[in-house]
Amino acid sequence: MTARYVPRGAILLTAALTATLGAGSPAVAAEHPRAADRGVWDRLAECESGGNWHIDTGNGYYGGLQFLRSTWASYGGERYARYPHHAAPAEQVEVADRLRDARGGYGAWPGCARRLRLPL
């Protein structure tokens, strides 16, 4: 059997989904963890911004996942747009994946991560 690299984020996501949905859930058995990942990000965006990926309320946080501009820039978001709310949802998710993987969980979104029972 050949060993296969599995990104740490995929392992954390699988653990979170198993805890939330149960081991027999089709979402846990998904072949492509990034597809299941998008569902988690959509739920997180719903909690953070009401699901509005292009929101700018003037509070210093932007986009569906409510990035600080400095965090957005630090994790490569400026390759898409200067501000997160100007980027496509998939681009915001890509930057969020990097942030989550670097921090080892969803701790950048503590309130909603707790509410959704995601690993911090």
C-alpha atoms as a PDB file:
ATOM      1  CA  MET A   1       0.000   0.000   0.000  1.00  0.00           C
ATOM      2  CA  THR A   2       1.366   3.425  -0.954  1.00  0.00           C
ATOM      3  CA  ALA A   3       1.335   6.168   1.665  1.00  0.00           C
ATOM      4  CA  ARG A   4      -0.509   9.296   0.645  1.00  0.00           C
ATOM      5  CA  TYR A   5      -0.017  12.828   1.984  1.00  0.00           C
ATOM      6  CA  VAL A   6      -3.102  14.225   3.687  1.00  0.00           C
ATOM      7  CA  PRO A   7      -3.019  17.933   4.614  1.00  0.00           C
ATOM      8  CA  ARG A   8      -3.413  18.642   8.333  1.00  0.00           C
ATOM      9  CA  GLY A   9      -6.502  20.743   7.599  1.00  0.00           C
ATOM     10  CA  ALA A  10      -8.192  17.756   5.978  1.00  0.00           C
ATOM     11  CA  ILE A  11      -7.528  15.670   9.097  1.00  0.00           C
ATOM     12  CA  LEU A  12      -8.926  18.402  11.349  1.00  0.00           C
ATOM     13  CA  LEU A  13     -11.938  18.820   9.084  1.00  0.00           C
ATOM     14  CA  THR A  14     -12.629  15.088   9.075  1.00  0.00           C
ATOM     15  CA  ALA A  15     -12.452  15.021  12.869  1.00  0.00           C
ATOM     16  CA  ALA A  16     -14.794  18.025  13.118  1.00  0.00           C
ATOM     17  CA  LEU A  17     -17.285  16.571  10.656  1.00  0.00           C
ATOM     18  CA  THR A  18     -17.187  13.166  12.338  1.00  0.00           C
ATOM     19  CA  ALA A  19     -17.900  14.776  15.697  1.00  0.00           C
ATOM     20  CA  THR A  20     -20.668  16.954  14.247  1.00  0.00           C
ATOM     21  CA  LEU A  21     -22.303  14.637  11.711  1.00  0.00           C
ATOM     22  CA  GLY A  22     -21.322  11.131  12.792  1.00  0.00           C
ATOM     23  CA  ALA A  23     -18.924   8.671  11.187  1.00  0.00           C
ATOM     24  CA  GLY A  24     -21.521   7.258   8.768  1.00  0.00           C
ATOM     25  CA  SER A  25     -22.346  10.616   7.209  1.00  0.00           C
ATOM     26  CA  PRO A  26     -21.790  10.982   3.444  1.00  0.00           C
ATOM     27  CA  ALA A  27     -20.015  14.302   4.086  1.00  0.00           C
ATOM     28  CA  VAL A  28     -17.368  12.520   6.161  1.00  0.00           C
ATOM     29  CA  ALA A  29     -16.894   9.891   3.481  1.00  0.00           C
ATOM     30  CA  ALA A  30     -16.460  12.471   0.711  1.00  0.00           C
ATOM     31  CA  GLU A  31     -13.565  11.645  -1.592  1.00  0.00           C
ATOM     32  CA  HIS A  32     -12.474  15.258  -1.914  1.00  0.00           C
ATOM     33  CA  PRO A  33     -12.008  16.934   1.489  1.00  0.00           C
ATOM     34  CA  ARG A  34     -11.908  20.401  -0.110  1.00  0.00           C
ATOM     35  CA  ALA A  35     -15.494  19.958  -1.360  1.00  0.00           C
ATOM     36  CA  ALA A  36     -16.632  19.167   2.187  1.00  0.00           C
ATOM     37  CA  ASP A  37     -14.395  22.018   3.358  1.00  0.00           C
ATOM     38  CA  ARG A  38     -16.424  24.504   1.315  1.00  0.00           C
ATOM     39  CA  GLY A  39     -19.533  23.480   3.238  1.00  0.00           C
ATOM     40  CA  VAL A  40     -17.761  24.264   6.498  1.00  0.00           C
ATOM     41  CA  TRP A  41     -16.640  27.647   5.157  1.00  0.00           C
ATOM     42  CA  ASP A  42     -20.175  28.417   3.971  1.00  0.00           C
ATOM     43  CA  ARG A  43     -21.515  27.632   7.461  1.00  0.00           C
ATOM     44  CA  LEU A  44     -18.789  29.754   9.030  1.00  0.00           C
ATOM     45  CA  ALA A  45     -19.565  32.644   6.651  1.00  0.00           C
ATOM     46  CA  GLU A  46     -23.250  32.351   7.488  1.00  0.00           C
ATOM     47  CA  CYS A  47     -22.350  32.759  11.157  1.00  0.00           C
ATOM     48  CA  GLU A  48     -19.747  35.511  10.640  1.00  0.00           C
ATOM     49  CA  SER A  49     -21.455  37.679   8.022  1.00  0.00           C
ATOM     50  CA  GLY A  50     -24.919  36.282   7.372  1.00  0.00           C
ATOM     51  CA  GLY A  51     -23.386  34.529   4.354  1.00  0.00           C
ATOM     52  CA  ASN A  52     -22.628  37.810   2.568  1.00  0.00           C
ATOM     53  CA  TRP A  53     -19.231  37.227   0.934  1.00  0.00           C
ATOM     54  CA  HIS A  54     -18.989  40.871  -0.190  1.00  0.00           C
ATOM     55  CA  ILE A  55     -19.885  42.603   3.068  1.00  0.00           C
ATOM     56  CA  ASP A  56     -18.135  45.731   4.338  1.00  0.00           C
ATOM     57  CA  THR A  57     -19.957  47.157   7.341  1.00  0.00           C
ATOM     58  CA  GLY A  58     -17.192  49.586   8.278  1.00  0.00           C
ATOM     59  CA  ASN A  59     -16.175  47.629  11.384  1.00  0.00           C
ATOM     60  CA  GLY A  60     -12.674  46.788  10.053  1.00  0.00           C
ATOM     61  CA  TYR A  61     -13.588  43.228   9.054  1.00  0.00           C
ATOM     62  CA  TYR A  62     -14.346  42.306   5.461  1.00  0.00           C
ATOM     63  CA  GLY A  63     -15.942  39.591   3.386  1.00  0.00           C
ATOM     64  CA  GLY A  64     -17.830  36.459   4.220  1.00  0.00           C
ATOM     65  CA  LEU A  65     -15.261  35.287   6.752  1.00  0.00           C
ATOM     66  CA  GLN A  66     -14.681  38.736   8.250  1.00  0.00           C
ATOM     67  CA  PHE A  67     -10.948  39.092   7.667  1.00  0.00           C
ATOM     68  CA  LEU A  68      -8.914  41.960   9.028  1.00  0.00           C
ATOM     69  CA  ARG A  69      -7.159  43.509   6.062  1.00  0.00           C
ATOM     70  CA  SER A  70      -3.753  42.829   7.654  1.00  0.00           C
ATOM     71  CA  THR A  71      -4.596  39.129   8.086  1.00  0.00           C
ATOM     72  CA  TRP A  72      -5.857  38.983   4.512  1.00  0.00           C
ATOM     73  CA  ALA A  73      -2.557  40.436   3.278  1.00  0.00           C
ATOM     74  CA  SER A  74      -0.448  38.205   5.546  1.00  0.00           C
ATOM     75  CA  TYR A  75      -1.990  35.031   4.136  1.00  0.00           C
ATOM     76  CA  GLY A  76      -1.713  36.001   0.465  1.00  0.00           C
ATOM     77  CA  GLY A  77      -5.116  37.539  -0.158  1.00  0.00           C
ATOM     78  CA  GLU A  78      -3.760  40.565  -1.986  1.00  0.00           C
ATOM     79  CA  ARG A  79      -2.943  38.369  -4.976  1.00  0.00           C
ATOM     80  CA  TYR A  80      -6.739  38.408  -5.538  1.00  0.00           C
ATOM     81  CA  ALA A  81      -7.851  41.794  -4.261  1.00  0.00           C
ATOM     82  CA  ARG A  82      -6.685  44.508  -1.873  1.00  0.00           C
ATOM     83  CA  TYR A  83      -9.694  43.881   0.393  1.00  0.00           C
ATOM     84  CA  PRO A  84     -11.342  40.515   1.086  1.00  0.00           C
ATOM     85  CA  HIS A  85     -14.860  41.630   0.205  1.00  0.00           C
ATOM     86  CA  HIS A  86     -13.677  42.402  -3.344  1.00  0.00           C
ATOM     87  CA  ALA A  87     -12.453  38.814  -3.824  1.00  0.00           C
ATOM     88  CA  ALA A  88     -14.579  35.901  -4.995  1.00  0.00           C
ATOM     89  CA  PRO A  89     -15.876  33.527  -2.317  1.00  0.00           C
ATOM     90  CA  ALA A  90     -13.543  30.752  -3.556  1.00  0.00           C
ATOM     91  CA  GLU A  91     -10.576  33.120  -3.190  1.00  0.00           C
ATOM     92  CA  GLN A  92     -11.640  34.030   0.347  1.00  0.00           C
ATOM     93  CA  VAL A  93     -11.879  30.313   1.138  1.00  0.00           C
ATOM     94  CA  GLU A  94      -8.401  29.693  -0.268  1.00  0.00           C
ATOM     95  CA  VAL A  95      -6.921  32.358   2.020  1.00  0.00           C
ATOM     96  CA  ALA A  96      -8.968  31.027   4.943  1.00  0.00           C
ATOM     97  CA  ASP A  97      -7.600  27.524   4.270  1.00  0.00           C
ATOM     98  CA  ARG A  98      -4.052  28.892   4.580  1.00  0.00           C
ATOM     99  CA  LEU A  99      -4.902  30.724   7.797  1.00  0.00           C
ATOM    100  CA  ARG A 100      -6.626  27.676   9.306  1.00  0.00           C
ATOM    101  CA  ASP A 101      -3.782  25.353   8.313  1.00  0.00           C
ATOM    102  CA  ALA A 102      -1.134  27.720   9.702  1.00  0.00           C
ATOM    103  CA  ARG A 103      -2.944  28.040  13.023  1.00  0.00           C
ATOM    104  CA  GLY A 104      -3.987  24.415  13.271  1.00  0.00           C
ATOM    105  CA  GLY A 105      -7.721  25.068  13.494  1.00  0.00           C
ATOM    106  CA  TYR A 106     -10.508  27.610  13.250  1.00  0.00           C
ATOM    107  CA  GLY A 107      -9.280  29.781  16.149  1.00  0.00           C
ATOM    108  CA  ALA A 108      -9.288  32.885  13.938  1.00  0.00           C
ATOM    109  CA  TRP A 109     -13.100  32.659  14.123  1.00  0.00           C
ATOM    110  CA  PRO A 110     -13.490  31.693  17.804  1.00  0.00           C
ATOM    111  CA  GLY A 111     -17.137  32.525  18.476  1.00  0.00           C
ATOM    112  CA  CYS A 112     -18.522  30.918  15.365  1.00  0.00           C
ATOM    113  CA  ALA A 113     -16.063  28.012  15.511  1.00  0.00           C
ATOM    114  CA  ARG A 114     -17.319  27.188  19.007  1.00  0.00           C
ATOM    115  CA  ARG A 115     -20.939  27.562  17.921  1.00  0.00           C
ATOM    116  CA  LEU A 116     -20.312  25.231  14.965  1.00  0.00           C
ATOM    117  CA  ARG A 117     -18.165  22.890  17.083  1.00  0.00           C
ATOM    118  CA  LEU A 118     -15.100  23.254  14.888  1.00  0.00           C
ATOM    119  CA  PRO A 119     -11.606  22.620  16.273  1.00  0.00           C
ATOM    120  CA  LEU A 120      -9.926  25.769  17.512  1.00  0.00           C
END
